[in-house]
Amino acid sequence: MKDYHPLHVNITDEVKKIIKEHRIVFPAYYGQIYNQVAKENGIELSPSELLHHEMLDEKVIRHIISLSEHAQSALSAMETKNESKLKEVIEETKKLQEEIEELQQAVYQDTLTKCYNRKWFEDKYLDINKEKFTKNGTLVFVDLNRLKRINDAYGHVVGDKVIEYFAKKLKEITPNVVRYGGDEFLLLFNKEDTDNVIQEKIDSVFNFFENKNFKYKDVEFKVTFAYGKCKFHIDDLFINIVEQADRLMYRFKEGRRQKTTV
């Protein structure tokens, strides 16, 4: 097997020479340059080796600078009582805010289900080390049953449609739905939500799928799920909470299996 390490050392040296000409180098730009030089050296980098959300960091910085400039323009317009200029600045700021919200959505949204992703969960619920909770509430670990069978029998397109539909129903009981894995979701409830209320909401979705038949061509099939529910408090370790919820979920799943075999 060819040793690419020396070649990547040379590529890195070339990239360093190129970026020396720039005062500011964003990570995504560095990735672009590295990819370009790598190609010139006969190396094709896979998508997983390249940066995602291309140029996203640069856009964020530019938007921050633009917001600052708009604020200065607004202050100047107010001081000079220039109403037309102030109106213009306000309109530009509104457009900029919409763009920032879109960028934020791109960072925090799962592309398939439009649920939140792990980054959103980590930023909103965990400390800087991504280890401990920073608030109180209830976590529900949800696992969609037999997705592999659906993919194998009807194809991944159908499997993806099932996941999308499933996620949509989960979002009806709480807006805070996180796609944790391929067919795993986290539901987050606030500390004000009582256990009874949470259970009623979960039961409503569970009963819905118990009575729902999915159809692919002339074949009908069922979609079910298992879940585990666990309260969390400030400074609780996330790994402990999710493992406890995971254990309860498997206990629920095993209980359902035993009922169907009786």
Protein backbone atom coordinates (compact mmCIF):
# COMPACT_ATOMS: atom_id res chain seq x y z
CA MET A 1 0.00 0.00 0.00
CA LYS A 2 1.37 3.40 -0.95
CA ASP A 3 2.39 5.69 1.91
CA TYR A 4 0.67 9.03 1.26
CA HIS A 5 2.03 10.71 4.40
CA PRO A 6 5.09 12.36 2.73
CA LEU A 7 2.88 13.59 -0.11
CA HIS A 8 0.42 15.18 2.34
CA VAL A 9 3.35 16.88 4.10
CA ASN A 10 4.35 18.43 0.75
CA ILE A 11 0.75 19.45 0.04
CA THR A 12 0.49 21.12 3.46
CA ASP A 13 3.72 23.07 2.77
CA GLU A 14 2.32 24.27 -0.57
CA VAL A 15 -0.96 25.33 1.07
CA LYS A 16 0.97 27.30 3.72
CA LYS A 17 2.73 29.27 0.98
CA ILE A 18 -0.59 30.08 -0.72
CA ILE A 19 -2.44 31.21 2.40
CA LYS A 20 0.46 33.43 3.51
CA GLU A 21 -0.80 35.95 0.95
CA HIS A 22 -4.13 36.32 2.80
CA ARG A 23 -4.71 38.29 5.99
CA ILE A 24 -7.69 36.12 6.98
CA VAL A 25 -8.10 32.43 6.14
CA PHE A 26 -11.38 30.74 6.98
CA PRO A 27 -11.34 26.97 7.65
CA ALA A 28 -13.56 26.23 4.64
CA TYR A 29 -11.22 28.25 2.38
CA TYR A 30 -8.26 26.31 3.72
CA GLY A 31 -10.14 23.12 2.81
CA GLN A 32 -10.74 24.36 -0.73
CA ILE A 33 -7.07 25.20 -1.25
CA TYR A 34 -5.96 21.89 0.24
CA ASN A 35 -8.35 19.98 -2.02
CA GLN A 36 -7.11 21.87 -5.08
CA VAL A 37 -3.40 21.21 -4.32
CA ALA A 38 -4.18 17.58 -3.48
CA LYS A 39 -5.79 17.12 -6.92
CA GLU A 40 -2.72 18.63 -8.57
CA ASN A 41 -0.71 15.97 -6.76
CA GLY A 42 -2.97 13.15 -7.90
CA ILE A 43 -4.99 12.71 -4.69
CA GLU A 44 -8.79 12.77 -4.76
CA LEU A 45 -10.18 13.52 -1.30
CA SER A 46 -13.47 11.88 -0.36
CA PRO A 47 -16.44 14.04 0.82
CA SER A 48 -15.84 12.88 4.41
CA GLU A 49 -12.31 14.32 4.25
CA LEU A 50 -13.57 17.74 3.15
CA LEU A 51 -15.21 20.42 5.26
CA HIS A 52 -19.01 20.48 5.35
CA HIS A 53 -21.18 23.64 5.25
CA GLU A 54 -18.74 25.13 2.76
CA MET A 55 -17.88 28.77 3.46
CA LEU A 56 -20.53 28.87 6.20
CA ASP A 57 -18.08 30.29 8.74
CA GLU A 58 -17.09 33.07 6.31
CA LYS A 59 -20.75 34.00 5.74
CA VAL A 60 -21.36 34.21 9.49
CA ILE A 61 -18.39 36.58 9.95
CA ARG A 62 -19.51 38.71 7.02
CA HIS A 63 -23.02 38.93 8.44
CA ILE A 64 -21.70 39.99 11.85
CA ILE A 65 -19.65 42.74 10.19
CA SER A 66 -22.67 43.83 8.11
CA LEU A 67 -24.89 43.99 11.22
CA SER A 68 -22.32 46.20 12.91
CA GLU A 69 -22.17 48.47 9.86
CA HIS A 70 -25.97 48.66 9.72
CA ALA A 71 -26.10 49.62 13.39
CA GLN A 72 -23.63 52.47 12.77
CA SER A 73 -25.63 53.63 9.73
CA ALA A 74 -28.85 53.56 11.77
CA LEU A 75 -27.28 55.66 14.54
CA SER A 76 -25.96 58.13 11.97
CA ALA A 77 -29.39 58.36 10.30
CA MET A 78 -31.09 58.99 13.66
CA GLU A 79 -28.58 61.69 14.59
CA THR A 80 -29.08 63.49 11.28
CA LYS A 81 -32.84 62.75 11.29
CA ASN A 82 -32.51 61.18 7.85
CA GLU A 83 -35.76 59.16 7.81
CA SER A 84 -35.32 57.73 4.28
CA LYS A 85 -31.81 56.45 5.15
CA LEU A 86 -33.06 54.97 8.42
CA LYS A 87 -35.88 53.15 6.60
CA GLU A 88 -33.38 51.79 4.07
CA VAL A 89 -31.08 50.51 6.85
CA ILE A 90 -34.00 48.85 8.66
CA GLU A 91 -35.05 47.02 5.48
CA GLU A 92 -31.49 45.84 4.82
CA THR A 93 -31.17 44.65 8.43
CA LYS A 94 -34.40 42.64 8.16
CA LYS A 95 -33.09 40.85 5.06
CA LEU A 96 -29.80 40.18 6.81
CA GLN A 97 -31.57 38.74 9.84
CA GLU A 98 -33.50 36.37 7.56
CA GLU A 99 -30.23 35.19 6.01
CA ILE A 100 -28.72 34.65 9.48
CA GLU A 101 -31.74 32.57 10.49
CA GLU A 102 -31.28 30.45 7.36
CA LEU A 103 -27.62 29.91 8.22
CA GLN A 104 -28.56 28.96 11.76
CA GLN A 105 -31.07 26.49 10.38
CA ALA A 106 -28.41 24.92 8.18
CA VAL A 107 -26.15 24.41 11.19
CA TYR A 108 -28.81 22.96 13.50
CA GLN A 109 -31.16 21.06 11.16
CA ASP A 110 -31.13 17.42 10.12
CA THR A 111 -31.45 17.47 6.34
CA LEU A 112 -33.83 14.51 5.97
CA THR A 113 -36.33 15.02 8.80
CA LYS A 114 -35.96 18.78 9.39
CA CYS A 115 -35.63 17.92 13.10
CA TYR A 116 -32.79 19.32 15.15
CA ASN A 117 -29.42 17.58 14.97
CA ARG A 118 -26.91 16.63 17.70
CA LYS A 119 -25.13 19.98 17.47
CA TRP A 120 -28.33 21.82 18.39
CA PHE A 121 -28.86 19.48 21.33
CA GLU A 122 -25.28 19.89 22.55
CA ASP A 123 -25.37 23.69 22.22
CA LYS A 124 -28.78 24.08 23.89
CA TYR A 125 -28.69 21.44 26.61
CA LEU A 126 -25.08 20.57 27.45
CA ASP A 127 -22.09 22.40 28.88
CA ILE A 128 -19.07 23.46 26.85
CA ASN A 129 -17.50 20.02 27.28
CA LYS A 130 -20.68 18.35 25.96
CA GLU A 131 -20.85 16.22 29.08
CA LYS A 132 -23.31 17.71 31.59
CA PHE A 133 -26.81 19.12 31.33
CA THR A 134 -27.25 22.84 31.85
CA LYS A 135 -31.00 22.69 32.57
CA ASN A 136 -33.72 20.47 34.01
CA GLY A 137 -36.27 18.48 32.04
CA THR A 138 -37.21 15.08 30.66
CA LEU A 139 -35.51 13.15 27.89
CA VAL A 140 -37.33 10.47 25.90
CA PHE A 141 -35.16 8.11 23.84
CA VAL A 142 -37.14 6.83 20.85
CA ASP A 143 -36.16 3.99 18.54
CA LEU A 144 -38.04 3.18 15.33
CA ASN A 145 -38.51 -0.60 15.10
CA ARG A 146 -37.44 -2.75 12.16
CA LEU A 147 -36.29 0.05 9.86
CA LYS A 148 -33.71 -2.28 8.32
CA ARG A 149 -36.47 -4.70 7.34
CA ILE A 150 -38.38 -1.86 5.67
CA ASN A 151 -35.24 -0.76 3.79
CA ASP A 152 -34.47 -4.32 2.70
CA ALA A 153 -38.04 -5.09 1.64
CA TYR A 154 -39.08 -1.82 -0.02
CA GLY A 155 -35.87 0.16 -0.54
CA HIS A 156 -34.18 3.09 1.21
CA VAL A 157 -36.42 5.67 -0.48
CA VAL A 158 -39.43 4.15 1.29
CA GLY A 159 -37.39 3.87 4.50
CA ASP A 160 -36.53 7.57 4.32
CA LYS A 161 -40.19 8.46 3.76
CA VAL A 162 -41.13 6.46 6.85
CA ILE A 163 -38.48 8.28 8.92
CA GLU A 164 -39.72 11.66 7.63
CA TYR A 165 -43.32 10.84 8.48
CA PHE A 166 -42.36 9.44 11.87
CA ALA A 167 -40.38 12.58 12.71
CA LYS A 168 -43.30 14.77 11.66
CA LYS A 169 -45.60 12.98 14.12
CA LEU A 170 -43.04 13.32 16.92
CA LYS A 171 -42.83 17.07 16.33
CA GLU A 172 -46.57 17.29 16.95
CA ILE A 173 -46.02 16.53 20.65
CA THR A 174 -42.86 18.63 21.17
CA PRO A 175 -40.90 21.01 18.95
CA ASN A 176 -37.67 19.79 20.55
CA VAL A 177 -37.05 16.62 18.53
CA VAL A 178 -33.46 15.59 17.81
CA ARG A 179 -32.45 13.01 15.25
CA TYR A 180 -29.86 11.22 17.34
CA GLY A 181 -29.02 8.43 14.88
CA GLY A 182 -30.43 6.82 11.74
CA ASP A 183 -33.68 5.67 13.36
CA GLU A 184 -33.15 7.05 16.87
CA PHE A 185 -34.63 10.28 18.20
CA LEU A 186 -34.46 12.30 21.41
CA LEU A 187 -37.56 14.13 22.62
CA LEU A 188 -36.84 16.96 25.07
CA PHE A 189 -39.47 18.29 27.44
CA ASN A 190 -39.20 21.25 29.80
CA LYS A 191 -39.13 20.93 33.58
CA GLU A 192 -42.68 22.37 33.69
CA ASP A 193 -44.04 19.40 31.72
CA THR A 194 -45.41 16.86 34.19
CA ASP A 195 -44.78 13.15 33.79
CA ASN A 196 -48.50 12.54 33.16
CA VAL A 197 -48.67 15.12 30.38
CA ILE A 198 -45.52 13.73 28.71
CA GLN A 199 -46.85 10.17 28.94
CA GLU A 200 -50.19 11.20 27.41
CA LYS A 201 -48.39 12.78 24.47
CA ILE A 202 -46.19 9.74 23.87
CA ASP A 203 -49.20 7.43 24.16
CA SER A 204 -51.08 9.48 21.56
CA VAL A 205 -48.29 8.96 19.01
CA PHE A 206 -47.85 5.32 19.97
CA ASN A 207 -51.57 4.60 19.54
CA PHE A 208 -51.58 6.45 16.24
CA PHE A 209 -48.93 4.15 14.77
CA GLU A 210 -50.54 1.07 16.32
CA ASN A 211 -53.62 1.82 14.20
CA LYS A 212 -51.82 3.15 11.12
CA ASN A 213 -51.17 0.99 8.03
CA PHE A 214 -48.47 2.05 5.61
CA LYS A 215 -48.78 0.97 2.00
CA TYR A 216 -46.16 0.36 -0.68
CA LYS A 217 -47.64 -0.71 -4.00
CA ASP A 218 -50.01 -3.55 -3.01
CA VAL A 219 -48.30 -4.35 0.29
CA GLU A 220 -49.31 -2.96 3.69
CA PHE A 221 -46.99 -2.80 6.67
CA LYS A 222 -46.86 -1.41 10.19
CA VAL A 223 -44.41 1.01 11.80
CA THR A 224 -43.88 0.81 15.55
CA PHE A 225 -41.40 2.26 18.01
CA ALA A 226 -40.00 1.74 21.49
CA TYR A 227 -39.05 4.43 23.98
CA GLY A 228 -37.42 5.08 27.33
CA LYS A 229 -38.13 8.13 29.47
CA CYS A 230 -35.76 9.72 31.99
CA LYS A 231 -35.66 13.00 33.92
CA PHE A 232 -32.45 15.03 33.88
CA HIS A 233 -31.15 17.83 36.11
CA ILE A 234 -28.44 20.45 35.93
CA ASP A 235 -24.98 18.84 36.13
CA ASP A 236 -26.30 15.34 35.38
CA LEU A 237 -23.98 13.53 32.99
CA PHE A 238 -25.60 13.15 29.58
CA ILE A 239 -24.08 9.70 29.07
CA ASN A 240 -25.75 8.45 32.27
CA ILE A 241 -29.15 9.84 31.31
CA VAL A 242 -29.13 8.53 27.75
CA GLU A 243 -27.91 5.10 28.89
CA GLN A 244 -30.70 4.91 31.46
CA ALA A 245 -33.29 5.95 28.85
CA ASP A 246 -31.79 3.42 26.44
CA ARG A 247 -32.13 0.61 29.01
CA LEU A 248 -35.76 1.54 29.66
CA MET A 249 -36.38 1.59 25.92
CA TYR A 250 -35.05 -1.97 25.50
CA ARG A 251 -37.08 -3.08 28.50
CA PHE A 252 -40.18 -1.63 26.81
CA LYS A 253 -39.26 -3.35 23.54
CA GLU A 254 -38.78 -6.70 25.27
CA GLY A 255 -42.11 -6.32 27.07
CA ARG A 256 -43.87 -5.73 23.76
CA ARG A 257 -42.21 -8.83 22.25
CA GLN A 258 -43.39 -10.99 25.14
CA LYS A 259 -46.95 -9.72 24.73
CA THR A 260 -47.01 -10.61 21.03
CA THR A 261 -45.71 -14.14 21.68
CA VAL A 262 -48.28 -14.91 24.39
